[in-house]
Every structure is written in C-alpha cells, then in structure tokens.
Protein backbone atom coordinates (compact mmCIF):
# COMPACT_ATOMS: atom_id res chain seq x y z
CA MET A 1 18.86 -30.17 6.01
CA VAL A 2 18.39 -29.57 2.24
CA ARG A 3 15.46 -31.66 1.89
CA HIS A 4 13.85 -30.10 4.79
CA ALA A 5 14.49 -26.50 3.41
CA LEU A 6 12.96 -27.56 0.09
CA ALA A 7 10.05 -29.42 1.43
CA GLY A 8 6.90 -27.47 0.27
CA THR A 9 8.74 -24.98 -1.93
CA ARG A 10 6.48 -23.55 -4.60
CA GLN A 11 7.68 -23.42 -8.33
CA SER A 12 6.67 -19.83 -8.64
CA VAL A 13 8.50 -16.49 -9.08
CA PHE A 14 8.32 -14.64 -5.70
CA TRP A 15 8.50 -11.12 -7.32
CA ILE A 16 5.41 -11.71 -9.67
CA GLU A 17 3.43 -13.25 -6.70
CA ASP A 18 4.37 -10.03 -4.72
CA ALA A 19 3.45 -7.51 -7.41
CA PRO A 20 0.73 -9.07 -9.56
CA GLY A 21 0.35 -5.89 -11.40
CA ASP A 22 -2.45 -4.20 -13.70
CA ALA A 23 -4.16 -6.02 -16.82
CA TYR A 24 -3.99 -4.64 -20.12
CA PRO A 25 -6.40 -5.30 -23.07
CA THR A 26 -5.47 -7.67 -25.97
CA LEU A 27 -5.20 -5.87 -29.47
CA SER A 28 -8.21 -6.40 -31.47
CA GLY A 29 -8.63 -4.86 -34.99
CA ASP A 30 -6.22 -2.44 -36.92
CA LEU A 31 -4.49 0.80 -35.57
CA SER A 32 -1.77 3.21 -36.65
CA CYS A 33 0.97 4.72 -34.74
CA ASP A 34 4.14 6.79 -34.58
CA LEU A 35 6.06 3.99 -32.67
CA ALA A 36 5.49 0.60 -31.94
CA VAL A 37 7.28 -1.26 -29.24
CA VAL A 38 7.47 -5.02 -29.35
CA GLY A 39 8.17 -6.52 -26.01
CA GLY A 40 6.68 -5.68 -22.56
CA GLY A 41 9.93 -6.12 -20.48
CA TYR A 42 12.35 -3.39 -19.21
CA SER A 43 13.86 -2.74 -22.70
CA GLY A 44 10.34 -2.18 -24.34
CA LEU A 45 9.01 -0.20 -21.46
CA TRP A 46 11.75 2.12 -20.96
CA THR A 47 11.62 2.69 -24.88
CA ALA A 48 7.93 3.50 -24.71
CA LEU A 49 8.28 5.75 -21.54
CA LEU A 50 11.21 7.76 -22.96
CA ALA A 51 9.70 8.00 -26.35
CA LYS A 52 6.58 9.60 -24.65
CA ARG A 53 8.34 11.87 -22.31
CA GLU A 54 10.39 13.11 -25.29
CA ASN A 55 7.30 13.67 -27.64
CA PRO A 56 4.18 13.89 -25.69
CA GLY A 57 2.04 13.95 -28.67
CA ALA A 58 3.30 10.82 -30.52
CA ARG A 59 1.15 7.86 -30.54
CA VAL A 60 3.08 5.01 -28.96
CA VAL A 61 1.83 1.40 -28.81
CA LEU A 62 3.51 -1.38 -26.81
CA LEU A 63 2.76 -5.05 -27.78
CA GLU A 64 3.39 -7.85 -25.39
CA GLY A 65 2.92 -11.43 -26.01
CA ARG A 66 1.92 -12.60 -22.61
CA ARG A 67 1.93 -10.41 -19.33
CA ILE A 68 4.08 -7.14 -18.64
CA GLY A 69 7.39 -8.31 -16.97
CA TRP A 70 6.47 -11.94 -16.81
CA ALA A 71 9.87 -13.15 -18.31
CA ALA A 72 13.33 -11.92 -17.52
CA SER A 73 12.13 -8.62 -16.26
CA GLY A 74 10.12 -10.08 -13.41
CA ARG A 75 12.29 -13.02 -12.44
CA ASN A 76 15.73 -11.66 -12.21
CA GLY A 77 17.82 -10.91 -9.12
CA GLY A 78 17.09 -7.25 -9.15
CA PHE A 79 20.79 -6.21 -9.28
CA CYS A 80 20.80 -2.67 -11.18
CA GLU A 81 24.36 -2.26 -12.05
CA ALA A 82 25.90 0.68 -13.75
CA SER A 83 28.20 -1.58 -16.01
CA LEU A 84 27.04 -1.62 -19.70
CA THR A 85 29.71 -4.27 -20.46
CA HIS A 86 28.97 -7.19 -17.98
CA GLY A 87 31.71 -6.05 -15.78
CA GLU A 88 35.18 -4.34 -15.93
CA ASP A 89 37.13 -7.40 -17.37
CA ASN A 90 34.69 -8.00 -20.25
CA GLY A 91 34.48 -4.32 -21.12
CA LEU A 92 38.28 -3.84 -20.91
CA SER A 93 38.86 -6.91 -23.17
CA ARG A 94 36.35 -6.09 -25.93
CA PHE A 95 36.38 -2.23 -25.81
CA PRO A 96 39.65 -0.94 -24.42
CA GLN A 97 39.87 2.36 -26.31
CA GLU A 98 36.27 3.36 -24.98
CA PHE A 99 36.32 1.49 -21.71
CA ASP A 100 36.41 4.67 -19.64
CA GLN A 101 33.76 6.47 -21.59
CA LEU A 102 31.63 3.46 -21.05
CA GLN A 103 32.18 3.54 -17.39
CA ARG A 104 31.16 7.24 -17.23
CA LEU A 105 28.00 6.32 -19.39
CA GLY A 106 27.17 3.44 -17.22
CA MET A 107 27.18 5.58 -14.22
CA ARG A 108 25.22 8.27 -15.78
CA ASN A 109 22.71 5.62 -16.83
CA LEU A 110 22.33 4.41 -13.34
CA ASP A 111 21.96 7.91 -11.99
CA GLU A 112 19.21 8.58 -14.55
CA ILE A 113 17.34 5.56 -13.57
CA GLU A 114 17.42 6.68 -9.90
CA ALA A 115 16.26 10.11 -11.08
CA ILE A 116 13.51 9.00 -13.00
CA ILE A 117 12.21 6.50 -10.20
CA ALA A 118 12.33 9.40 -7.66
CA GLU A 119 10.78 11.99 -10.01
CA LEU A 120 7.78 9.62 -11.11
CA ASP A 121 7.43 8.15 -7.54
CA LEU A 122 7.89 4.59 -9.00
CA ASP A 123 7.09 1.88 -6.52
CA ALA A 124 10.13 -0.36 -7.16
CA ASP A 125 11.88 -0.92 -3.87
CA PHE A 126 14.92 0.97 -5.23
CA GLU A 127 17.89 0.71 -2.74
CA ARG A 128 21.43 2.18 -3.80
CA ASN A 129 23.19 0.21 -1.24
CA GLY A 130 26.30 -0.86 -3.31
CA ALA A 131 27.63 -4.27 -3.66
CA ILE A 132 30.27 -6.71 -2.37
CA ASP A 133 32.31 -8.80 -4.52
CA LEU A 134 33.46 -11.88 -2.61
CA ALA A 135 36.63 -14.08 -2.61
CA THR A 136 35.67 -17.62 -1.56
CA GLU A 137 38.94 -19.31 -2.79
CA PRO A 138 42.50 -18.07 -2.21
CA HIS A 139 43.36 -17.31 -5.84
CA GLN A 140 40.48 -14.77 -5.89
CA VAL A 141 41.75 -12.46 -3.01
CA GLU A 142 44.49 -10.92 -5.23
CA TRP A 143 41.99 -10.13 -8.05
CA LEU A 144 39.85 -8.04 -5.51
CA ARG A 145 42.62 -6.46 -4.12
CA GLU A 146 44.03 -5.20 -7.58
CA ALA A 147 40.46 -4.10 -8.46
CA ALA A 148 40.43 -1.78 -5.35
CA ASP A 149 40.69 2.06 -5.78
CA GLY A 150 40.35 3.00 -2.31
CA GLU A 151 37.44 5.17 -2.83
CA HIS A 152 34.45 3.58 -4.58
CA ALA A 153 35.93 0.10 -4.68
CA VAL A 154 37.33 -0.59 -1.08
CA PHE A 155 39.31 -3.71 -0.41
CA LEU A 156 38.10 -5.71 2.70
CA ASP A 157 40.39 -8.48 4.18
CA THR A 158 38.82 -11.67 5.90
CA ASP A 159 37.83 -9.80 9.09
CA ALA A 160 36.56 -6.74 7.42
CA VAL A 161 34.18 -8.58 4.92
CA ARG A 162 32.80 -10.92 7.69
CA ALA A 163 32.04 -7.78 9.77
CA GLN A 164 29.97 -6.70 6.73
CA VAL A 165 28.38 -10.14 6.30
CA HIS A 166 29.31 -13.05 8.15
CA SER A 167 30.06 -16.21 6.33
CA PRO A 168 32.81 -18.70 7.14
CA THR A 169 33.42 -19.09 3.28
CA TYR A 170 34.51 -15.51 2.87
CA LEU A 171 38.22 -14.78 2.59
CA ALA A 172 37.99 -11.22 1.14
CA GLY A 173 35.88 -8.58 -0.37
CA LEU A 174 35.50 -5.75 -2.78
CA LEU A 175 32.91 -3.14 -1.52
CA ARG A 176 31.61 -1.13 -4.30
CA THR A 177 29.79 1.90 -3.00
CA ALA A 178 28.52 3.93 -6.02
CA ASP A 179 27.80 1.55 -9.12
CA SER A 180 25.14 -0.86 -7.84
CA SER A 181 21.67 -0.81 -6.59
CA LEU A 182 18.81 -3.12 -6.04
CA VAL A 183 15.18 -3.00 -7.18
CA HIS A 184 11.91 -5.49 -6.72
CA PRO A 185 12.03 -6.68 -10.38
CA ALA A 186 8.27 -7.09 -10.80
CA LYS A 187 7.48 -3.99 -9.08
CA LEU A 188 9.80 -2.01 -11.39
CA ALA A 189 8.16 -3.61 -14.47
CA ARG A 190 4.70 -2.95 -13.32
CA ALA A 191 5.65 0.60 -12.13
CA LEU A 192 6.99 1.36 -15.49
CA ALA A 193 3.92 0.15 -17.30
CA ARG A 194 1.62 2.26 -15.28
CA ALA A 195 3.82 5.35 -15.94
CA CYS A 196 3.76 4.54 -19.60
CA ALA A 197 -0.04 4.27 -19.29
CA ASP A 198 -0.37 7.41 -17.35
CA LEU A 199 1.38 9.33 -20.31
CA GLY A 200 -0.85 7.92 -22.99
CA VAL A 201 1.05 4.92 -24.24
CA GLU A 202 -1.28 2.24 -25.49
CA ILE A 203 -0.26 -1.32 -23.89
CA PHE A 204 -1.67 -4.58 -25.31
CA GLU A 205 -1.05 -7.65 -23.56
CA HIS A 206 -1.48 -11.35 -24.97
CA SER A 207 -0.66 -9.94 -28.42
CA PRO A 208 2.36 -11.59 -29.84
CA VAL A 209 3.87 -10.18 -32.96
CA GLU A 210 4.12 -12.74 -35.70
CA SER A 211 5.71 -10.75 -38.31
CA ILE A 212 6.89 -7.09 -39.07
CA GLY A 213 6.96 -7.01 -42.73
CA ASP A 214 9.23 -4.16 -43.94
CA GLY A 215 8.95 -2.83 -40.35
CA THR A 216 5.79 -0.78 -40.47
CA THR A 217 3.38 -3.68 -40.62
CA LEU A 218 3.08 -5.53 -37.31
CA GLU A 219 0.79 -8.70 -37.46
CA THR A 220 -0.59 -10.20 -34.26
CA PRO A 221 -3.33 -12.97 -34.16
CA ASN A 222 -6.15 -10.62 -33.70
CA GLY A 223 -5.12 -7.27 -35.17
CA VAL A 224 -2.31 -5.27 -37.32
CA VAL A 225 -0.51 -2.39 -36.07
CA ARG A 226 0.87 0.03 -38.68
CA ALA A 227 3.80 2.10 -37.38
CA GLU A 228 6.01 4.63 -38.68
CA ARG A 229 8.90 3.27 -36.46
CA THR A 230 9.30 -0.10 -34.52
CA ALA A 231 11.34 -0.99 -31.71
CA LEU A 232 12.25 -4.36 -31.11
CA ALA A 233 12.66 -5.57 -27.39
CA THR A 234 12.21 -9.11 -27.54
CA ASN A 235 15.14 -10.28 -25.33
CA VAL A 236 15.66 -14.01 -25.21
CA PHE A 237 12.72 -14.98 -27.81
CA PRO A 238 13.42 -15.57 -31.50
CA SER A 239 14.04 -12.57 -33.14
CA LEU A 240 11.80 -11.07 -35.82
CA LEU A 241 14.69 -10.35 -37.92
CA LYS A 242 16.55 -13.07 -39.63
CA ARG A 243 19.76 -11.52 -39.32
CA ASN A 244 19.68 -11.79 -35.46
CA ARG A 245 18.50 -15.65 -35.22
CA LEU A 246 21.90 -16.86 -34.41
CA GLN A 247 23.19 -13.97 -32.42
CA THR A 248 21.77 -14.98 -29.03
CA VAL A 249 21.06 -18.42 -27.06
CA PRO A 250 18.88 -19.04 -24.09
CA VAL A 251 20.69 -19.97 -21.05
CA TYR A 252 18.45 -20.90 -17.91
CA ASP A 253 19.35 -19.45 -14.41
CA TYR A 254 17.98 -20.78 -11.42
CA VAL A 255 16.98 -19.07 -8.11
CA LEU A 256 15.78 -19.92 -4.48
CA MET A 257 13.89 -17.50 -2.07
CA THR A 258 13.83 -18.00 1.68
CA GLU A 259 11.17 -17.20 3.89
CA PRO A 260 11.48 -13.88 5.84
CA LEU A 261 14.40 -14.17 8.33
CA SER A 262 13.73 -13.52 12.11
CA ASP A 263 15.51 -10.65 13.81
CA ALA A 264 17.66 -13.20 15.40
CA GLN A 265 18.58 -15.02 12.17
CA LEU A 266 19.37 -11.71 10.42
CA ALA A 267 21.70 -10.79 13.20
CA SER A 268 23.45 -13.90 13.02
CA ILE A 269 24.77 -13.09 9.52
CA GLY A 270 24.88 -9.41 9.96
CA TRP A 271 24.39 -7.79 6.56
CA SER A 272 23.06 -4.50 7.87
CA GLY A 273 24.06 -2.58 4.88
CA ARG A 274 21.94 -4.70 2.63
CA GLN A 275 24.58 -4.80 -0.20
CA GLY A 276 24.00 -7.03 -3.19
CA LEU A 277 26.51 -9.90 -2.93
CA GLY A 278 28.25 -12.10 -5.48
CA ASP A 279 31.17 -14.39 -5.26
CA SER A 280 34.20 -14.19 -7.93
CA ALA A 281 33.97 -17.64 -9.39
CA ASN A 282 33.19 -18.28 -13.24
CA GLN A 283 30.21 -20.18 -12.02
CA PHE A 284 29.14 -17.62 -9.48
CA HIS A 285 26.34 -17.09 -6.83
CA TYR A 286 24.46 -13.88 -6.56
CA TYR A 287 22.39 -13.10 -3.50
CA ARG A 288 20.56 -10.19 -1.90
CA LEU A 289 17.90 -9.33 0.57
CA SER A 290 14.33 -8.46 -0.14
CA ALA A 291 12.35 -5.70 1.54
CA ASP A 292 10.87 -8.19 4.01
CA ASN A 293 14.36 -9.64 4.62
CA ARG A 294 14.08 -12.82 2.54
CA ILE A 295 17.25 -13.96 0.90
CA LEU A 296 17.32 -14.48 -2.74
CA PHE A 297 20.18 -17.07 -3.75
CA GLY A 298 20.75 -18.07 -7.40
CA GLY A 299 23.29 -18.63 -9.91
CA TYR A 300 25.74 -21.17 -10.36
CA ASP A 301 24.25 -23.58 -12.78
CA ALA A 302 23.74 -22.00 -16.24
CA ILE A 303 22.03 -24.59 -18.39
CA TYR A 304 21.62 -24.41 -22.17
CA HIS A 305 19.24 -26.93 -23.93
CA TYR A 306 19.71 -28.34 -27.36
CA GLY A 307 18.14 -26.39 -29.82
CA GLY A 308 17.84 -23.12 -28.10
CA ARG A 309 14.47 -23.36 -27.14
CA VAL A 310 12.53 -21.43 -24.33
CA ARG A 311 10.30 -23.87 -22.68
CA GLU A 312 8.36 -23.85 -19.22
CA GLU A 313 9.56 -27.46 -18.56
CA TYR A 314 13.21 -26.11 -18.34
CA GLU A 315 12.36 -24.17 -15.26
CA ASP A 316 11.98 -27.17 -12.92
CA ARG A 317 15.34 -28.68 -12.30
CA PRO A 318 15.40 -30.43 -9.02
CA GLU A 319 19.15 -31.34 -8.96
CA THR A 320 20.13 -27.73 -9.57
CA PHE A 321 17.63 -26.51 -6.63
CA ALA A 322 19.19 -29.06 -4.43
CA ARG A 323 22.83 -27.94 -5.32
CA LEU A 324 21.77 -24.31 -4.60
CA ALA A 325 20.23 -25.21 -1.28
CA SER A 326 23.31 -26.94 -0.32
CA HIS A 327 25.62 -24.08 -1.31
CA PHE A 328 23.14 -21.67 0.51
CA PHE A 329 23.86 -23.69 3.87
CA THR A 330 27.62 -23.92 3.17
CA THR A 331 27.65 -20.11 2.98
CA PHE A 332 25.13 -19.49 6.04
CA PRO A 333 25.54 -22.61 8.24
CA GLN A 334 23.93 -20.33 11.25
CA LEU A 335 20.60 -20.29 9.05
CA GLU A 336 19.98 -24.17 9.58
CA GLY A 337 16.32 -24.78 9.74
CA VAL A 338 15.45 -21.83 7.21
CA ARG A 339 13.10 -23.00 4.37
CA PHE A 340 12.60 -21.84 0.96
CA THR A 341 9.24 -20.63 0.00
CA ASN A 342 9.93 -20.22 -4.02
CA LYS A 343 11.99 -21.67 -6.56
CA TRP A 344 12.08 -20.67 -10.20
CA ALA A 345 14.22 -20.16 -13.29
CA GLY A 346 14.23 -18.23 -16.44
CA ALA A 347 16.12 -17.82 -19.66
CA ILE A 348 18.86 -15.25 -20.21
CA ASP A 349 19.58 -13.96 -23.56
CA THR A 350 23.27 -14.64 -23.91
CA CYS A 351 25.50 -13.33 -26.72
CA SER A 352 29.03 -14.20 -27.76
CA ARG A 353 30.33 -10.90 -26.47
CA PHE A 354 28.30 -11.07 -23.17
CA CYS A 355 26.97 -7.65 -23.29
CA ALA A 356 24.25 -5.96 -25.24
CA PHE A 357 24.30 -5.30 -29.02
CA PHE A 358 22.39 -2.68 -31.05
CA GLY A 359 21.45 -1.92 -34.54
CA SER A 360 18.67 -0.93 -37.11
CA ALA A 361 17.09 -2.45 -39.95
CA ARG A 362 14.39 -2.10 -42.67
CA GLY A 363 15.98 1.19 -43.95
CA GLY A 364 16.14 2.64 -40.54
CA ARG A 365 12.48 2.10 -39.74
CA VAL A 366 13.40 -0.82 -37.18
CA ALA A 367 15.95 -0.74 -34.17
CA TYR A 368 16.77 -3.48 -31.84
CA ALA A 369 18.63 -3.95 -28.59
CA THR A 370 19.41 -7.55 -27.23
CA GLY A 371 21.84 -9.75 -25.84
CA TYR A 372 22.16 -8.32 -22.12
CA THR A 373 23.42 -11.76 -20.92
CA GLY A 374 22.09 -11.45 -17.40
CA LEU A 375 23.08 -7.83 -16.51
CA GLY A 376 20.30 -5.85 -18.16
CA VAL A 377 18.26 -4.41 -15.37
CA ALA A 378 20.04 -1.01 -15.76
CA ALA A 379 21.38 -1.39 -19.18
CA THR A 380 17.97 -1.75 -20.95
CA HIS A 381 17.39 2.00 -20.06
CA PHE A 382 20.64 2.75 -21.88
CA GLY A 383 19.47 0.25 -24.83
CA ALA A 384 16.12 2.11 -25.05
CA GLN A 385 17.93 5.37 -25.58
CA VAL A 386 20.11 3.91 -28.33
CA MET A 387 16.95 2.45 -30.13
CA LEU A 388 15.46 5.90 -29.94
CA ASP A 389 18.63 7.54 -31.28
CA LEU A 390 18.71 5.09 -34.15
CA LEU A 391 14.98 5.46 -35.05
CA ALA A 392 15.34 9.31 -35.01
CA GLY A 393 18.55 9.16 -37.20
CA ARG A 394 20.41 11.07 -34.37
CA SER A 395 24.23 10.95 -34.13
CA THR A 396 24.88 10.96 -30.68
CA GLU A 397 27.77 9.89 -28.13
CA ARG A 398 25.82 6.70 -27.71
CA THR A 399 25.46 5.75 -31.46
CA GLU A 400 29.13 6.59 -31.89
CA LEU A 401 30.37 4.00 -29.80
CA ASP A 402 32.11 0.94 -31.08
CA MET A 403 30.05 -1.12 -28.56
CA VAL A 404 26.89 0.27 -30.41
CA LYS A 405 28.27 0.11 -34.11
CA SER A 406 29.73 -3.41 -33.82
CA ARG A 407 28.01 -6.79 -33.54
CA PRO A 408 29.00 -10.16 -31.91
CA LEU A 409 29.89 -13.20 -33.47
CA PRO A 410 26.95 -15.53 -34.07
CA PHE A 411 26.62 -18.81 -32.45
CA PRO A 412 26.98 -21.81 -34.81
CA PRO A 413 23.90 -23.97 -35.50
CA GLU A 414 23.34 -27.15 -33.86
CA PRO A 415 25.05 -29.38 -33.02
CA ALA A 416 28.09 -27.13 -32.65
CA ALA A 417 26.37 -24.60 -30.63
CA SER A 418 25.38 -27.22 -27.85
CA LEU A 419 28.86 -28.85 -27.98
CA GLY A 420 30.63 -25.47 -27.67
CA ILE A 421 28.57 -23.88 -24.84
CA ASN A 422 28.60 -27.07 -22.71
CA LEU A 423 32.43 -27.34 -23.31
CA THR A 424 32.84 -23.91 -22.23
CA ARG A 425 30.66 -24.28 -19.09
CA LEU A 426 32.80 -27.56 -18.16
CA SER A 427 36.13 -25.48 -18.83
CA LEU A 428 34.82 -22.69 -16.59
CA ASP A 429 33.92 -25.05 -13.72
CA ARG A 430 37.58 -26.53 -14.00
CA ALA A 431 39.00 -23.24 -13.80
CA ASP A 432 37.35 -22.27 -10.64
CA HIS A 433 38.77 -25.47 -9.15
CA ASN A 434 42.15 -24.93 -10.39
CA ASP A 435 43.29 -21.48 -9.13
CA GLY A 436 41.54 -19.65 -11.88
CA LYS A 437 43.87 -21.20 -14.58
CA ARG A 438 42.07 -21.48 -18.00
CA ASN A 439 42.66 -24.47 -20.16
CA LEU A 440 43.57 -24.39 -23.72
CA PHE A 441 39.95 -24.31 -24.97
CA LEU A 442 39.17 -21.05 -22.90
CA LYS A 443 42.53 -19.58 -24.20
CA THR A 444 41.51 -20.12 -27.66
CA LEU A 445 38.12 -18.61 -27.13
CA ASP A 446 39.86 -15.53 -25.61
CA ALA A 447 42.19 -15.35 -28.61
CA VAL A 448 39.19 -15.23 -31.02
CA GLY A 449 37.09 -12.75 -28.96
CA LEU A 450 34.54 -15.34 -27.50
CA GLY A 451 36.14 -15.54 -24.03
CA PHE A 452 33.84 -15.29 -21.05
CA ASP A 453 35.01 -13.92 -17.63
CA SER A 454 32.34 -12.93 -15.17
C-alpha cells in the first residue's frame, strides 16, 4: 500500500507549485533607505508591511537571498496559531508570571492577522476553523481532559471525536474553537509581498546579504544598501550577528500531500469542520485539508544533521516518507488507494526554549527575531511588531515582556550539539511509548530549562 501510494510522488513543495508568485529584481548598485529588512519570509514581509503602514513616507527595502517565501514560509503546514510560546505547557514552564498576558497578546495577534488579511483582501485561503488536539494513546486522554475549559477548549470523548473526524486511532480530542486557523503558506507569502510592493516597499530577490557592518551598511554580491535601521528576519539561516550563531539549530521536518480526495473518500473520514489536527505525542503528526481537499500529513521525524547545516540534499529522506505514509494509512485505513502527489521537507529554526527570542544590536540600529521552532506562521507578525518597537526605541507592552527581554541558552558546539539533540529525540520517543514518562535525561533538561514538551 505504501509503495503504491508513493509511486510517482514528486519531490516538490505543493504550496509553491500552487502559488508561484511574482518575480522581483536583483539589487544592482547602491542605495540608501530608512529601513532595510533582511529576509523575504513571513517575518521580513510583516516587518516591511507594518513599517510602511506606520510611516508611508519611509523608504523601506527588503532583501531576499533567493525567492520570496521559498523556505519555511512557503513549505510549512499552514497552521496559524495564537500561541506565542509553542503551546501552553512550554509557556507555563518558561514564563509562568506573564503566561496569561502572553495568551491575551497571542489571541490579539491572531485577530490582527485576520483583520489585515480581510482589510487588504489578501488571497491566502485563510480559514479560522479551530483545531483538534488528539489522543492516540491512553495516557494522553487525561491530558486533554485536564486542558478543557468547556468553552473555547472542549473535551471530546471517543465517540465525539470520531464524529468530527473518523479514525480508529482516536481515543479522545480537545476541540479548540478560537485560537487556531489555517492558511495556504505560499499564497500568504506572495500576497504579503504584493501588499508590500503596492505600498512602495522595494523588494529585491536573489540578493543575499553577506555582512551588515555596523548595522547601516548591508553588502550583497551586486550592491550595497545603506540603512538607518536594519531588521534581521533570517530564520534558520546563519545569523549575521555573531552573538546568535549558537542560538538556533536547523531541524528538518517532512511532509506528504495527497491527491484531492473524492467526495466519497472525504465522506468516509468526515472532517466536515476542516479543523487542523495534531496528535499529543512528543513526536507528533500534524495534518490538515487544503482548499481542494488534499490532506497534508507531516511531522513525527525531526532530523538534525551534524554541523547544523541547511542543505537541499537533506530534504529527500525515503525512510521518513515511507514511515509517514504508513502512519497515514494507520490513521485513515478507509483511504487505501489514495496516492501522494508531493513530498518535501524544510529546516525549522529551533532554539533551546522552543519559542521565538528577540533583541537589538549595533547600538539599537539592528533588531532581530528568530527561533520560532515550527510555530511561527502567526508569531512572526508579533515578532515584526517587536522588531519595529525596538528599532524605534519604544517602550511597549511587548518590549517589557520577560519573553522579549530574555534569551535562550545557546546550543553547545559540535559534537556535543549532535549528541544532545539526538539523545533528546530518542528519549522523547521512549516517553511516547512509556505512558509519557520522562527518563532521567529529560528530567535533567527540564530542571535546567532546556526541556521540550510539545
């Protein structure tokens, strides 16, 4: 079944195929501007858009090393979540004193994204359908029951969750009605770029920034940008600031996309509410429907390669795609015969606290936001606001947060990084198969503030 389903599958990002986008020129020559933004993913695009909306007369330049949205912003699952802290457990453990405030700001952030998409009529397939967290092991059921509030987080027993989406693997669910939405990742990036260009932002593709000097001189292969202020939105790629070189590591995430389901196939699994789905394991699966009723199915394996490099050859991992396909048909046996049209992977910028961190450098002329750890579709909008606050020297509710003022612990250099990351992954897998019980290694990481709980 798995071999048949994967036969003929393209190693290609479905989202980018489906939304090729506009082309922008390469920087040639020198120019000056008020704000330079480095990076053409969500973080950089939101920064440029918000800066131009705030000050229409400012000259804003965005520099992208390849194509707009070609990396994480164009190949993620499209889950647009309110959480700024990679979920409640991570937020409560790291920022207990301001957790309620972060939850409120996260909801406001998601509301603002929805409002901007509507106001600018951005073609992004935005759907605020909520999400269902799933229990597929007995020990996870009580976790979901404890998380329910009866209003925006409703516990679903076995019959109730299978009435929403039918899978023999589901034991319970938590229906979150307000804090989760879906987007078409590449369409969102392309639409944000067009909105930026319409407001007068100058976008340059294939213009990688090689150095930033004192923060005002950005050098590219074919030109120099002299900027009053610079926002770094480089995500998983090596930081242009030495201080951040060990703050993030790239972890590869893998995805399959099915062919469009027929009406009969869709009826066999229900899913009429079109919620985003994710199970409750440490090595979890996430899945959702596209606008044309394909199923995106990703997650589980999270692969770190020695040396922390971002390389195209890491994107094709046959054993992972076969494992994902096997898990897909275990989840939905009624879809036997469905084929996968696309498979792809991408690097996630993981930091040791598993949610974004922020800061400024070069005497306040440079700001950065990075380390989103796979939950940045919505959080990048918040990160853009933080960067603009920092560059303007504004004291705001955002900049006064401990989450914004503090930094994660750096990863150690190799070989310690590889040993630690892979041992963590092995330990999390064991916990998933041992009623969620964490071993001594994971408990030690928890004690020093490096623990991960998805």
